[in-house]
Amino acid sequence: MTCNDTDWAEDVDTYRRAVAQDRERYPLYGAAAANITPCAFWPHEPAEPPVEVSAEGPRNVLLLQNRRDPATPHVGGRLLREGFGHRARLVSVDAGGHGVYVFGDNACAWNTATEFLVEGALPKRDTSCGASAGLDRQLDDEARHLRAETLDRLRSTP
């Protein structure tokens, strides 16, 4: 989620209480996840209402999830997939880290997501992507250069 995706609490005490509660409930990571972020001070209202998680609606939801994401555990991706029902497909990637697409380098995930974004078609079933030696190793020189330029532009965009 980013700051403009939802309306964030602005009262610092709200976060203080949540950190105290989650420190007890989830001693390993809970307090960090409940803490205040810059979104509490975001000057803009959400751009649109949040998407309702339900099986009702178009079949157009692709979920990408690393199996060892320290910020959002894989079980969350599976539960979200379950909530969207037939509308969604889940791409589970044998990798760590919090980013799968764009900054990720798993060729299976990259190709699956790119095909969805370009062609608009979901995979026929949920997909499991094995560990990858890296996307750049599978690209020719021109494609590797184009990807590097694109990532540089994304990193420098405010």
C-alpha atoms as a PDB file:
ATOM      1  CA  MET A   1       0.000   0.000   0.000  1.00  0.00           C
ATOM      2  CA  THR A   2       1.080   3.504  -0.606  1.00  0.00           C
ATOM      3  CA  CYS A   3      -0.022   6.668   1.100  1.00  0.00           C
ATOM      4  CA  ASN A   4      -2.721   7.584  -1.399  1.00  0.00           C
ATOM      5  CA  ASP A   5      -4.277   4.088  -1.426  1.00  0.00           C
ATOM      6  CA  THR A   6      -6.257   4.535   1.772  1.00  0.00           C
ATOM      7  CA  ASP A   7      -7.035   7.067   4.479  1.00  0.00           C
ATOM      8  CA  TRP A   8      -4.395   6.788   7.230  1.00  0.00           C
ATOM      9  CA  ALA A   9      -4.883   7.659  10.890  1.00  0.00           C
ATOM     10  CA  GLU A  10      -3.352  11.028  11.720  1.00  0.00           C
ATOM     11  CA  ASP A  11      -3.408  10.790  15.518  1.00  0.00           C
ATOM     12  CA  VAL A  12       0.022   9.754  16.866  1.00  0.00           C
ATOM     13  CA  ASP A  13      -1.602   8.106  19.902  1.00  0.00           C
ATOM     14  CA  THR A  14      -3.417   5.712  17.580  1.00  0.00           C
ATOM     15  CA  TYR A  15      -0.034   4.377  16.450  1.00  0.00           C
ATOM     16  CA  ARG A  16       1.374   4.400  19.969  1.00  0.00           C
ATOM     17  CA  ARG A  17      -1.469   2.143  21.159  1.00  0.00           C
ATOM     18  CA  ALA A  18      -1.186  -0.131  18.121  1.00  0.00           C
ATOM     19  CA  VAL A  19       2.562  -0.563  18.652  1.00  0.00           C
ATOM     20  CA  ALA A  20       2.018  -1.490  22.312  1.00  0.00           C
ATOM     21  CA  GLN A  21      -0.709  -4.008  21.403  1.00  0.00           C
ATOM     22  CA  ASP A  22       1.205  -5.574  18.546  1.00  0.00           C
ATOM     23  CA  ARG A  23       4.406  -5.776  20.585  1.00  0.00           C
ATOM     24  CA  GLU A  24       2.505  -8.146  22.877  1.00  0.00           C
ATOM     25  CA  ARG A  25       0.628 -10.025  20.145  1.00  0.00           C
ATOM     26  CA  TYR A  26       3.450 -10.362  17.636  1.00  0.00           C
ATOM     27  CA  PRO A  27       6.768  -9.942  19.459  1.00  0.00           C
ATOM     28  CA  LEU A  28       8.971 -10.562  16.428  1.00  0.00           C
ATOM     29  CA  TYR A  29       7.631  -8.012  13.901  1.00  0.00           C
ATOM     30  CA  GLY A  30       4.298  -6.649  15.094  1.00  0.00           C
ATOM     31  CA  ALA A  31       5.461  -3.420  16.654  1.00  0.00           C
ATOM     32  CA  ALA A  32       7.328  -2.379  13.511  1.00  0.00           C
ATOM     33  CA  ALA A  33       4.349  -3.013  11.249  1.00  0.00           C
ATOM     34  CA  ALA A  34       2.013  -1.005  13.495  1.00  0.00           C
ATOM     35  CA  ASN A  35       4.297   2.023  13.807  1.00  0.00           C
ATOM     36  CA  ILE A  36       3.617   5.406  12.271  1.00  0.00           C
ATOM     37  CA  THR A  37       4.772   6.078   8.716  1.00  0.00           C
ATOM     38  CA  PRO A  38       4.944   9.205   6.556  1.00  0.00           C
ATOM     39  CA  CYS A  39       1.475   8.283   5.274  1.00  0.00           C
ATOM     40  CA  ALA A  40       0.003   9.648   8.525  1.00  0.00           C
ATOM     41  CA  PHE A  41       1.016  13.094   7.307  1.00  0.00           C
ATOM     42  CA  TRP A  42       0.135  12.635   3.637  1.00  0.00           C
ATOM     43  CA  PRO A  43      -1.554  15.853   2.440  1.00  0.00           C
ATOM     44  CA  HIS A  44      -3.894  14.243  -0.115  1.00  0.00           C
ATOM     45  CA  GLU A  45      -7.048  12.212   0.241  1.00  0.00           C
ATOM     46  CA  PRO A  46      -7.170   8.768  -1.411  1.00  0.00           C
ATOM     47  CA  ALA A  47      -7.515   8.920  -5.193  1.00  0.00           C
ATOM     48  CA  GLU A  48     -10.374   6.385  -5.212  1.00  0.00           C
ATOM     49  CA  PRO A  49     -12.106   3.963  -2.863  1.00  0.00           C
ATOM     50  CA  PRO A  50     -10.171   0.810  -1.960  1.00  0.00           C
ATOM     51  CA  VAL A  51     -10.849  -2.261  -4.089  1.00  0.00           C
ATOM     52  CA  GLU A  52     -13.251  -4.599  -2.336  1.00  0.00           C
ATOM     53  CA  VAL A  53     -11.778  -8.047  -1.853  1.00  0.00           C
ATOM     54  CA  SER A  54     -14.477 -10.396  -3.094  1.00  0.00           C
ATOM     55  CA  ALA A  55     -15.109 -13.028  -5.717  1.00  0.00           C
ATOM     56  CA  GLU A  56     -17.622 -10.692  -7.401  1.00  0.00           C
ATOM     57  CA  GLY A  57     -16.301  -8.753 -10.362  1.00  0.00           C
ATOM     58  CA  PRO A  58     -14.081  -9.107 -13.398  1.00  0.00           C
ATOM     59  CA  ARG A  59     -11.393 -11.764 -13.652  1.00  0.00           C
ATOM     60  CA  ASN A  60      -8.481  -9.342 -13.712  1.00  0.00           C
ATOM     61  CA  VAL A  61      -6.430  -9.651 -10.503  1.00  0.00           C
ATOM     62  CA  LEU A  62      -2.848 -10.905 -10.656  1.00  0.00           C
ATOM     63  CA  LEU A  63      -1.100 -11.274  -7.284  1.00  0.00           C
ATOM     64  CA  LEU A  64       2.682 -11.588  -7.057  1.00  0.00           C
ATOM     65  CA  GLN A  65       4.204 -12.802  -3.793  1.00  0.00           C
ATOM     66  CA  ASN A  66       7.703 -13.882  -2.743  1.00  0.00           C
ATOM     67  CA  ARG A  67       7.673 -16.932  -0.489  1.00  0.00           C
ATOM     68  CA  ARG A  68      10.113 -15.286   1.942  1.00  0.00           C
ATOM     69  CA  ASP A  69       8.973 -11.670   2.018  1.00  0.00           C
ATOM     70  CA  PRO A  70       9.880 -10.180   5.405  1.00  0.00           C
ATOM     71  CA  ALA A  71       7.207  -7.467   5.178  1.00  0.00           C
ATOM     72  CA  THR A  72       4.234  -9.428   3.840  1.00  0.00           C
ATOM     73  CA  PRO A  73       4.312 -13.178   4.551  1.00  0.00           C
ATOM     74  CA  HIS A  74       3.352 -15.562   1.755  1.00  0.00           C
ATOM     75  CA  VAL A  75       0.279 -16.713   3.672  1.00  0.00           C
ATOM     76  CA  GLY A  76      -1.148 -13.211   3.164  1.00  0.00           C
ATOM     77  CA  GLY A  77      -0.869 -13.624  -0.600  1.00  0.00           C
ATOM     78  CA  ARG A  78      -2.608 -16.986  -0.417  1.00  0.00           C
ATOM     79  CA  LEU A  79      -5.418 -15.569   1.742  1.00  0.00           C
ATOM     80  CA  LEU A  80      -5.877 -12.600  -0.588  1.00  0.00           C
ATOM     81  CA  ARG A  81      -6.024 -14.988  -3.548  1.00  0.00           C
ATOM     82  CA  GLU A  82      -8.680 -16.983  -1.718  1.00  0.00           C
ATOM     83  CA  GLY A  83     -10.670 -13.799  -1.061  1.00  0.00           C
ATOM     84  CA  PHE A  84     -10.697 -12.841  -4.738  1.00  0.00           C
ATOM     85  CA  GLY A  85     -11.728 -16.361  -5.763  1.00  0.00           C
ATOM     86  CA  HIS A  86     -12.023 -17.055  -9.501  1.00  0.00           C
ATOM     87  CA  ARG A  87     -11.134 -13.415 -10.268  1.00  0.00           C
ATOM     88  CA  ALA A  88      -7.461 -13.848  -9.397  1.00  0.00           C
ATOM     89  CA  ARG A  89      -4.318 -15.840  -9.927  1.00  0.00           C
ATOM     90  CA  LEU A  90      -1.373 -15.995  -7.528  1.00  0.00           C
ATOM     91  CA  VAL A  91       2.233 -16.119  -8.691  1.00  0.00           C
ATOM     92  CA  SER A  92       4.344 -17.500  -5.823  1.00  0.00           C
ATOM     93  CA  VAL A  93       8.068 -16.867  -6.234  1.00  0.00           C
ATOM     94  CA  ASP A  94      10.837 -18.856  -4.546  1.00  0.00           C
ATOM     95  CA  ALA A  95      12.667 -15.737  -3.398  1.00  0.00           C
ATOM     96  CA  GLY A  96      13.037 -13.337  -0.510  1.00  0.00           C
ATOM     97  CA  GLY A  97      12.585  -9.606  -0.440  1.00  0.00           C
ATOM     98  CA  HIS A  98       9.585  -7.342  -0.761  1.00  0.00           C
ATOM     99  CA  GLY A  99       9.517  -6.751  -4.510  1.00  0.00           C
ATOM    100  CA  VAL A 100       8.593  -9.254  -7.202  1.00  0.00           C
ATOM    101  CA  TYR A 101       7.977  -7.178 -10.325  1.00  0.00           C
ATOM    102  CA  VAL A 102       9.890  -4.293 -11.869  1.00  0.00           C
ATOM    103  CA  PHE A 103      12.766  -4.387  -9.371  1.00  0.00           C
ATOM    104  CA  GLY A 104      12.636  -8.176  -9.000  1.00  0.00           C
ATOM    105  CA  ASP A 105      14.754 -10.403 -11.179  1.00  0.00           C
ATOM    106  CA  ASN A 106      12.851 -13.695 -11.354  1.00  0.00           C
ATOM    107  CA  ALA A 107      12.322 -14.413 -15.059  1.00  0.00           C
ATOM    108  CA  CYS A 108       9.218 -16.590 -14.518  1.00  0.00           C
ATOM    109  CA  ALA A 109       7.484 -13.892 -12.435  1.00  0.00           C
ATOM    110  CA  TRP A 110       8.648 -11.104 -14.744  1.00  0.00           C
ATOM    111  CA  ASN A 111       7.355 -12.865 -17.865  1.00  0.00           C
ATOM    112  CA  THR A 112       4.046 -13.866 -16.261  1.00  0.00           C
ATOM    113  CA  ALA A 113       3.360 -10.339 -15.005  1.00  0.00           C
ATOM    114  CA  THR A 114       4.480  -8.664 -18.231  1.00  0.00           C
ATOM    115  CA  GLU A 115       2.245 -10.940 -20.307  1.00  0.00           C
ATOM    116  CA  PHE A 116      -0.693 -10.075 -18.039  1.00  0.00           C
ATOM    117  CA  LEU A 117      -0.017  -6.331 -18.268  1.00  0.00           C
ATOM    118  CA  VAL A 118       0.514  -6.357 -22.046  1.00  0.00           C
ATOM    119  CA  GLU A 119      -2.028  -8.974 -23.142  1.00  0.00           C
ATOM    120  CA  GLY A 120      -4.538  -8.681 -20.292  1.00  0.00           C
ATOM    121  CA  ALA A 121      -4.826 -12.430 -19.822  1.00  0.00           C
ATOM    122  CA  LEU A 122      -4.422 -14.136 -16.470  1.00  0.00           C
ATOM    123  CA  PRO A 123      -2.499 -17.397 -16.293  1.00  0.00           C
ATOM    124  CA  LYS A 124      -4.784 -20.451 -16.499  1.00  0.00           C
ATOM    125  CA  ARG A 125      -3.906 -21.395 -12.898  1.00  0.00           C
ATOM    126  CA  ASP A 126      -1.871 -20.188  -9.960  1.00  0.00           C
ATOM    127  CA  THR A 127       1.823 -20.262 -10.788  1.00  0.00           C
ATOM    128  CA  SER A 128       4.838 -21.305  -8.766  1.00  0.00           C
ATOM    129  CA  CYS A 129       8.109 -19.768  -9.948  1.00  0.00           C
ATOM    130  CA  GLY A 130      11.284 -21.510  -8.849  1.00  0.00           C
ATOM    131  CA  ALA A 131      14.426 -19.719  -7.738  1.00  0.00           C
ATOM    132  CA  SER A 132      15.987 -17.789 -10.602  1.00  0.00           C
ATOM    133  CA  ALA A 133      19.596 -17.161 -11.502  1.00  0.00           C
ATOM    134  CA  GLY A 134      18.498 -13.669 -12.441  1.00  0.00           C
ATOM    135  CA  LEU A 135      16.513 -12.095 -15.212  1.00  0.00           C
ATOM    136  CA  ASP A 136      19.467 -10.194 -16.680  1.00  0.00           C
ATOM    137  CA  ARG A 137      21.264 -13.472 -17.438  1.00  0.00           C
ATOM    138  CA  GLN A 138      18.351 -14.506 -19.631  1.00  0.00           C
ATOM    139  CA  LEU A 139      18.103 -11.283 -21.618  1.00  0.00           C
ATOM    140  CA  ASP A 140      20.057 -10.310 -24.699  1.00  0.00           C
ATOM    141  CA  ASP A 141      22.260  -7.201 -24.554  1.00  0.00           C
ATOM    142  CA  GLU A 142      19.605  -4.857 -25.976  1.00  0.00           C
ATOM    143  CA  ALA A 143      16.880  -6.066 -23.588  1.00  0.00           C
ATOM    144  CA  ARG A 144      19.285  -5.904 -20.617  1.00  0.00           C
ATOM    145  CA  HIS A 145      20.194  -2.312 -21.527  1.00  0.00           C
ATOM    146  CA  LEU A 146      16.520  -1.324 -21.932  1.00  0.00           C
ATOM    147  CA  ARG A 147      15.640  -2.886 -18.559  1.00  0.00           C
ATOM    148  CA  ALA A 148      18.538  -1.068 -16.855  1.00  0.00           C
ATOM    149  CA  GLU A 149      17.428   2.271 -18.349  1.00  0.00           C
ATOM    150  CA  THR A 150      13.831   1.667 -17.254  1.00  0.00           C
ATOM    151  CA  LEU A 151      14.853   0.784 -13.698  1.00  0.00           C
ATOM    152  CA  ASP A 152      17.082   3.884 -13.506  1.00  0.00           C
ATOM    153  CA  ARG A 153      14.132   6.071 -14.601  1.00  0.00           C
ATOM    154  CA  LEU A 154      11.852   4.443 -12.029  1.00  0.00           C
ATOM    155  CA  ARG A 155      14.389   4.901  -9.245  1.00  0.00           C
ATOM    156  CA  SER A 156      14.827   8.585 -10.067  1.00  0.00           C
ATOM    157  CA  THR A 157      11.099   9.346 -10.340  1.00  0.00           C
ATOM    158  CA  PRO A 158       9.866  11.254  -7.268  1.00  0.00           C
END
